[in-house]
Protein backbone atom coordinates (compact mmCIF):
# COMPACT_ATOMS: atom_id res chain seq x y z
CA UNK A 1 -36.46 33.40 -51.72
CA UNK A 2 -35.87 34.04 -55.37
CA UNK A 3 -36.12 37.28 -57.25
CA UNK A 4 -39.34 38.03 -59.07
CA UNK A 5 -37.56 37.34 -62.38
CA UNK A 6 -36.99 33.69 -61.34
CA UNK A 7 -33.25 34.29 -61.09
CA UNK A 8 -31.59 32.99 -57.94
CA UNK A 9 -30.40 35.53 -55.40
CA UNK A 10 -26.77 36.55 -55.61
CA UNK A 11 -24.55 36.59 -52.51
CA UNK A 12 -25.26 40.25 -51.75
CA UNK A 13 -29.02 39.62 -51.84
CA UNK A 14 -28.68 36.47 -49.71
CA UNK A 15 -26.56 38.42 -47.20
CA UNK A 16 -29.15 41.22 -47.03
CA UNK A 17 -31.95 38.68 -46.61
CA UNK A 18 -30.23 37.08 -43.60
CA UNK A 19 -29.67 40.49 -42.03
CA UNK A 20 -33.36 41.27 -42.58
CA UNK A 21 -34.34 38.16 -40.62
CA UNK A 22 -32.79 39.70 -37.49
CA UNK A 23 -35.53 42.36 -37.53
CA UNK A 24 -33.24 45.37 -37.17
CA UNK A 25 -31.06 43.93 -34.44
CA UNK A 26 -27.70 45.68 -34.04
CA UNK A 27 -25.24 43.20 -35.57
CA UNK A 28 -21.62 42.89 -34.53
CA UNK A 29 -18.72 41.78 -36.71
CA UNK A 30 -19.21 38.13 -35.69
CA UNK A 31 -22.79 38.11 -36.99
CA UNK A 32 -21.66 39.73 -40.21
CA UNK A 33 -18.83 37.21 -40.66
CA UNK A 34 -21.23 34.31 -40.14
CA UNK A 35 -23.75 35.80 -42.58
CA UNK A 36 -20.94 36.34 -45.11
CA UNK A 37 -20.18 32.61 -45.03
CA UNK A 38 -23.82 31.49 -44.85
CA UNK A 39 -24.64 33.61 -47.90
CA UNK A 40 -21.71 32.27 -49.94
CA UNK A 41 -23.30 28.90 -50.76
CA UNK A 42 -26.93 28.83 -52.00
CA UNK A 43 -27.71 25.51 -50.27
CA UNK A 44 -26.24 26.76 -46.99
CA UNK A 45 -28.24 29.96 -47.32
CA UNK A 46 -31.49 28.03 -47.89
CA UNK A 47 -30.94 26.22 -44.59
CA UNK A 48 -29.80 29.35 -42.75
CA UNK A 49 -32.88 31.29 -43.88
CA UNK A 50 -34.94 28.86 -41.77
CA UNK A 51 -32.66 29.19 -38.74
CA UNK A 52 -32.04 32.94 -38.32
CA UNK A 53 -34.27 35.30 -36.35
CA UNK A 54 -34.02 38.25 -33.96
CA UNK A 55 -32.73 35.93 -31.23
CA UNK A 56 -29.77 34.56 -33.17
CA UNK A 57 -28.59 31.79 -35.47
CA UNK A 58 -29.40 28.13 -34.74
CA UNK A 59 -26.29 26.48 -36.16
CA UNK A 60 -27.12 22.95 -35.01
CA UNK A 61 -30.30 23.07 -37.08
CA UNK A 62 -28.45 24.52 -40.09
CA UNK A 63 -25.93 21.68 -39.87
CA UNK A 64 -28.73 19.09 -39.75
CA UNK A 65 -30.49 20.65 -42.73
CA UNK A 66 -27.23 20.76 -44.73
CA UNK A 67 -26.10 17.23 -43.95
CA UNK A 68 -25.50 15.39 -47.22
CA UNK A 69 -26.18 18.50 -49.33
CA UNK A 70 -22.80 20.24 -49.12
CA UNK A 71 -19.30 19.37 -50.25
CA UNK A 72 -16.78 18.67 -47.49
CA UNK A 73 -15.14 22.06 -48.02
CA UNK A 74 -18.52 23.77 -47.66
CA UNK A 75 -19.19 21.86 -44.43
CA UNK A 76 -15.84 23.20 -43.16
CA UNK A 77 -17.07 26.70 -44.00
CA UNK A 78 -20.30 26.07 -42.09
CA UNK A 79 -18.27 24.98 -39.06
CA UNK A 80 -16.12 28.10 -39.40
CA UNK A 81 -19.26 30.28 -39.61
CA UNK A 82 -20.42 28.76 -36.32
CA UNK A 83 -17.03 29.40 -34.74
CA UNK A 84 -16.71 33.06 -35.80
CA UNK A 85 -20.25 33.63 -34.51
CA UNK A 86 -19.83 31.74 -31.23
CA UNK A 87 -16.11 31.68 -30.47
CA UNK A 88 -16.53 28.87 -27.95
CA UNK A 89 -18.02 26.49 -30.53
CA UNK A 90 -15.85 23.68 -31.81
CA UNK A 91 -14.68 24.02 -35.35
CA UNK A 92 -13.80 20.95 -37.37
CA UNK A 93 -11.46 22.44 -39.92
CA UNK A 94 -7.91 22.62 -38.70
CA UNK A 95 -5.57 25.21 -40.19
CA UNK A 96 -4.22 22.41 -42.39
CA UNK A 97 -7.73 21.58 -43.65
CA UNK A 98 -8.48 25.26 -44.23
CA UNK A 99 -5.31 25.59 -46.30
CA UNK A 100 -6.66 22.89 -48.63
CA UNK A 101 -10.02 24.55 -49.32
CA UNK A 102 -8.88 26.13 -52.57
CA UNK A 103 -10.69 28.82 -54.52
CA UNK A 104 -13.25 30.20 -53.78
CA UNK A 105 -13.75 28.64 -50.34
CA UNK A 106 -10.35 29.57 -48.88
CA UNK A 107 -11.00 33.17 -49.85
CA UNK A 108 -14.45 33.04 -48.21
CA UNK A 109 -12.90 31.60 -45.02
CA UNK A 110 -10.15 34.21 -44.84
CA UNK A 111 -12.52 37.08 -45.59
CA UNK A 112 -14.82 35.88 -42.79
CA UNK A 113 -11.89 35.84 -40.38
CA UNK A 114 -11.01 39.41 -41.38
CA UNK A 115 -14.67 40.47 -41.02
CA UNK A 116 -14.98 38.85 -37.59
CA UNK A 117 -11.82 40.60 -36.41
CA UNK A 118 -13.12 43.98 -37.53
CA UNK A 119 -10.43 44.30 -40.21
CA UNK A 120 -12.86 44.15 -43.12
CA UNK A 121 -16.41 45.39 -43.56
CA UNK A 122 -19.12 44.06 -45.84
CA UNK A 123 -20.78 46.70 -47.98
CA UNK A 124 -23.66 46.32 -50.39
CA UNK A 125 -23.84 48.65 -53.37
CA UNK A 126 -26.04 48.56 -56.43
CA UNK A 127 -24.30 48.21 -59.78
CA UNK A 128 -25.25 50.13 -62.93
CA UNK A 129 -28.17 47.72 -63.50
CA UNK A 130 -29.48 48.29 -59.97
CA UNK A 131 -28.45 44.82 -58.79
CA UNK A 132 -26.92 44.67 -55.29
CA UNK A 133 -23.25 43.67 -55.20
CA UNK A 134 -21.21 42.65 -52.21
CA UNK A 135 -18.02 44.66 -51.68
CA UNK A 136 -15.39 44.23 -49.00
CA UNK A 137 -13.88 47.34 -47.42
CA UNK A 138 -10.37 46.73 -46.07
CA UNK A 139 -9.63 50.35 -45.11
CA UNK A 140 -9.45 49.62 -41.36
CA UNK A 141 -6.95 46.81 -41.99
CA UNK A 142 -4.90 49.10 -44.24
CA UNK A 143 -4.83 51.78 -41.51
CA UNK A 144 -3.57 49.22 -38.99
CA UNK A 145 -0.97 48.03 -41.47
CA UNK A 146 0.23 51.59 -42.15
CA UNK A 147 0.41 52.33 -38.42
CA UNK A 148 2.48 49.20 -37.86
CA UNK A 149 4.83 50.08 -40.73
CA UNK A 150 5.31 53.63 -39.38
CA UNK A 151 5.91 52.31 -35.88
CA UNK A 152 8.44 49.81 -37.22
CA UNK A 153 10.24 52.58 -39.12
CA UNK A 154 10.38 54.70 -35.95
CA UNK A 155 11.82 51.73 -34.06
CA UNK A 156 14.44 51.17 -36.77
CA UNK A 157 15.38 54.87 -36.69
CA UNK A 158 15.78 54.75 -32.90
CA UNK A 159 17.89 51.61 -33.16
CA UNK A 160 20.13 53.33 -35.73
CA UNK A 161 20.50 56.39 -33.47
CA UNK A 162 21.34 54.20 -30.51
CA UNK A 163 23.94 52.28 -32.53
CA UNK A 164 25.54 55.55 -33.68
CA UNK A 165 25.73 56.86 -30.11
CA UNK A 166 27.23 53.60 -28.90
CA UNK A 167 29.95 53.81 -31.57
CA UNK A 168 31.08 57.24 -30.37
């Protein structure tokens, strides 16, 4: 699973590879969030590449293959990947443990949560050298945020009007 030039795959290429293993299956945000995490750590990706197919992701097997090969923070990410994919799975990291992940793992965890919730989309674009790069599109989150801010302003304006009428 390495490039022809003997360079390891970057995250964008690992992400694309995992998507390719699903054989064209329509993927929802939960799949994409799980693949985002699974592609973030090369050792996790190596295990995942053996456990993804058109039927799904076999997380129990990924966890067995990764046992003893990942840092504790990376194991927390693997548990989170399982949970965003299958919401009824148990996740070991508590919010407190997630807050201690540090860079870059906390960012990976939060991005995956945004992806799973449909607030962020993963995009792959080639850079000037033709190498795929992973980009995160937050436009849907920004639209929701702007809507909320406008709604809040309308509510404040109505409250002000009501207060003025009550004073008269």
